[in-house]
C-alpha atoms as a PDB file:
ATOM      1  CA  MET A   1       0.000   0.000   0.000  1.00  0.00           C
ATOM      2  CA  TYR A   2       1.327   3.418  -0.866  1.00  0.00           C
ATOM      3  CA  ALA A   3       0.128   6.982  -0.366  1.00  0.00           C
ATOM      4  CA  GLY A   4      -2.215   8.110  -3.083  1.00  0.00           C
ATOM      5  CA  GLU A   5      -3.399   4.608  -3.979  1.00  0.00           C
ATOM      6  CA  PRO A   6      -7.153   4.726  -4.686  1.00  0.00           C
ATOM      7  CA  LEU A   7      -9.164   3.207  -1.847  1.00  0.00           C
ATOM      8  CA  SER A   8     -11.250   1.227  -4.337  1.00  0.00           C
ATOM      9  CA  ASP A   9      -8.146  -0.767  -5.327  1.00  0.00           C
ATOM     10  CA  LYS A  10      -7.285  -1.782  -1.784  1.00  0.00           C
ATOM     11  CA  SER A  11      -7.926  -5.144  -0.180  1.00  0.00           C
ATOM     12  CA  LEU A  12     -10.191  -5.623   2.811  1.00  0.00           C
ATOM     13  CA  TRP A  13      -7.134  -5.709   5.054  1.00  0.00           C
ATOM     14  CA  GLU A  14      -5.735  -2.472   3.620  1.00  0.00           C
ATOM     15  CA  LEU A  15      -9.081  -0.712   4.006  1.00  0.00           C
ATOM     16  CA  LYS A  16      -9.407  -1.967   7.577  1.00  0.00           C
ATOM     17  CA  GLU A  17      -5.928  -0.739   8.455  1.00  0.00           C
ATOM     18  CA  ALA A  18      -6.576   2.659   6.843  1.00  0.00           C
ATOM     19  CA  ALA A  19      -9.816   2.984   8.814  1.00  0.00           C
ATOM     20  CA  LYS A  20      -8.081   2.032  12.054  1.00  0.00           C
ATOM     21  CA  TRP A  21      -4.793   3.913  11.842  1.00  0.00           C
ATOM     22  CA  SER A  22      -4.948   6.756   9.325  1.00  0.00           C
ATOM     23  CA  SER A  23      -4.155  10.194  10.700  1.00  0.00           C
ATOM     24  CA  ASN A  24      -6.710  11.662   8.284  1.00  0.00           C
ATOM     25  CA  PRO A  25     -10.327  11.342   9.531  1.00  0.00           C
ATOM     26  CA  GLN A  26     -11.713  11.673   6.007  1.00  0.00           C
ATOM     27  CA  GLU A  27      -9.517   8.803   4.804  1.00  0.00           C
ATOM     28  CA  MET A  28     -10.814   6.724   7.721  1.00  0.00           C
ATOM     29  CA  LYS A  29     -14.423   7.457   6.749  1.00  0.00           C
ATOM     30  CA  ASP A  30     -13.719   6.765   3.071  1.00  0.00           C
ATOM     31  CA  ALA A  31     -12.202   3.387   3.972  1.00  0.00           C
ATOM     32  CA  ILE A  32     -15.256   2.548   6.103  1.00  0.00           C
ATOM     33  CA  SER A  33     -17.525   3.504   3.211  1.00  0.00           C
ATOM     34  CA  LYS A  34     -15.564   1.248   0.833  1.00  0.00           C
ATOM     35  CA  LEU A  35     -15.748  -1.596   3.351  1.00  0.00           C
ATOM     36  CA  SER A  36     -19.496  -1.103   3.692  1.00  0.00           C
ATOM     37  CA  ALA A  37     -19.870  -1.405  -0.071  1.00  0.00           C
ATOM     38  CA  ARG A  38     -18.297  -4.874   0.143  1.00  0.00           C
ATOM     39  CA  GLY A  39     -21.251  -6.084   2.187  1.00  0.00           C
ATOM     40  CA  ALA A  40     -21.245  -9.016   4.583  1.00  0.00           C
ATOM     41  CA  GLU A  41     -17.640  -9.995   3.832  1.00  0.00           C
ATOM     42  CA  ALA A  42     -16.519  -6.729   5.462  1.00  0.00           C
ATOM     43  CA  LEU A  43     -18.521  -7.142   8.691  1.00  0.00           C
ATOM     44  CA  PRO A  44     -15.626  -8.598  10.738  1.00  0.00           C
ATOM     45  CA  SER A  45     -13.381  -5.713   9.636  1.00  0.00           C
ATOM     46  CA  LEU A  46     -16.014  -3.099  10.452  1.00  0.00           C
ATOM     47  CA  GLU A  47     -16.610  -4.646  13.867  1.00  0.00           C
ATOM     48  CA  GLU A  48     -12.876  -4.627  14.565  1.00  0.00           C
ATOM     49  CA  ILE A  49     -12.613  -0.946  13.589  1.00  0.00           C
ATOM     50  CA  LEU A  50     -15.543  -0.153  15.863  1.00  0.00           C
ATOM     51  CA  SER A  51     -13.862  -1.921  18.765  1.00  0.00           C
ATOM     52  CA  VAL A  52     -10.525  -0.102  18.488  1.00  0.00           C
ATOM     53  CA  THR A  53     -11.353   3.453  17.449  1.00  0.00           C
ATOM     54  CA  ALA A  54     -11.512   6.230  20.005  1.00  0.00           C
ATOM     55  CA  TYR A  55     -13.258   8.710  17.704  1.00  0.00           C
ATOM     56  CA  ASP A  56     -17.019   9.108  18.054  1.00  0.00           C
ATOM     57  CA  ASP A  57     -17.521  10.111  14.422  1.00  0.00           C
ATOM     58  CA  ILE A  58     -15.608   7.026  13.249  1.00  0.00           C
ATOM     59  CA  LYS A  59     -17.669   4.836  15.606  1.00  0.00           C
ATOM     60  CA  ALA A  60     -20.853   6.346  14.166  1.00  0.00           C
ATOM     61  CA  ALA A  61     -19.622   5.705  10.601  1.00  0.00           C
ATOM     62  CA  CYS A  62     -18.852   2.084  11.546  1.00  0.00           C
ATOM     63  CA  ILE A  63     -22.263   1.547  13.108  1.00  0.00           C
ATOM     64  CA  ASP A  64     -23.968   2.919   9.990  1.00  0.00           C
ATOM     65  CA  ALA A  65     -21.762   0.774   7.743  1.00  0.00           C
ATOM     66  CA  ILE A  66     -22.486  -2.361   9.786  1.00  0.00           C
ATOM     67  CA  LYS A  67     -26.238  -1.721   9.615  1.00  0.00           C
ATOM     68  CA  SER A  68     -26.005  -1.151   5.869  1.00  0.00           C
ATOM     69  CA  ALA A  69     -23.942  -4.304   5.287  1.00  0.00           C
ATOM     70  CA  LYS A  70     -26.372  -6.386   7.367  1.00  0.00           C
ATOM     71  CA  ARG A  71     -29.364  -4.982   5.446  1.00  0.00           C
ATOM     72  CA  GLU A  72     -27.648  -5.785   2.168  1.00  0.00           C
ATOM     73  CA  GLY A  73     -26.940  -9.333   3.347  1.00  0.00           C
ATOM     74  CA  LYS A  74     -30.601  -9.873   4.223  1.00  0.00           C
ATOM     75  CA  GLU A  75     -31.705  -8.578   0.823  1.00  0.00           C
ATOM     76  CA  GLN A  76     -29.312 -10.959  -0.930  1.00  0.00           C
ATOM     77  CA  VAL A  77     -30.700 -13.901   1.034  1.00  0.00           C
ATOM     78  CA  LYS A  78     -34.280 -12.928   0.164  1.00  0.00           C
ATOM     79  CA  LEU A  79     -33.421 -12.736  -3.531  1.00  0.00           C
ATOM     80  CA  ALA A  80     -31.675 -16.098  -3.353  1.00  0.00           C
ATOM     81  CA  ASP A  81     -34.736 -17.642  -1.710  1.00  0.00           C
ATOM     82  CA  LEU A  82     -37.044 -16.659  -4.577  1.00  0.00           C
ATOM     83  CA  PRO A  83     -38.256 -19.514  -6.750  1.00  0.00           C
ATOM     84  CA  PRO A  84     -36.805 -19.705 -10.289  1.00  0.00           C
END
């Protein structure tokens, strides 16, 4: 990972680390948003970020992202359960 690398090209691990340890709050929020877009596969990373961050705005972003990812997961299950 290098500075200036687009967040969309980063792995789950890289996004998680950026969200946990970046010195730039906007970069942290952007990483959380990218994780949220990955859906249920990002839930463990989002929960880890929530557990280690000391910033209330980052906690709030994580909570919103977790809710969104869980909603998306439920919608995918419902679509999968539809008859052919």
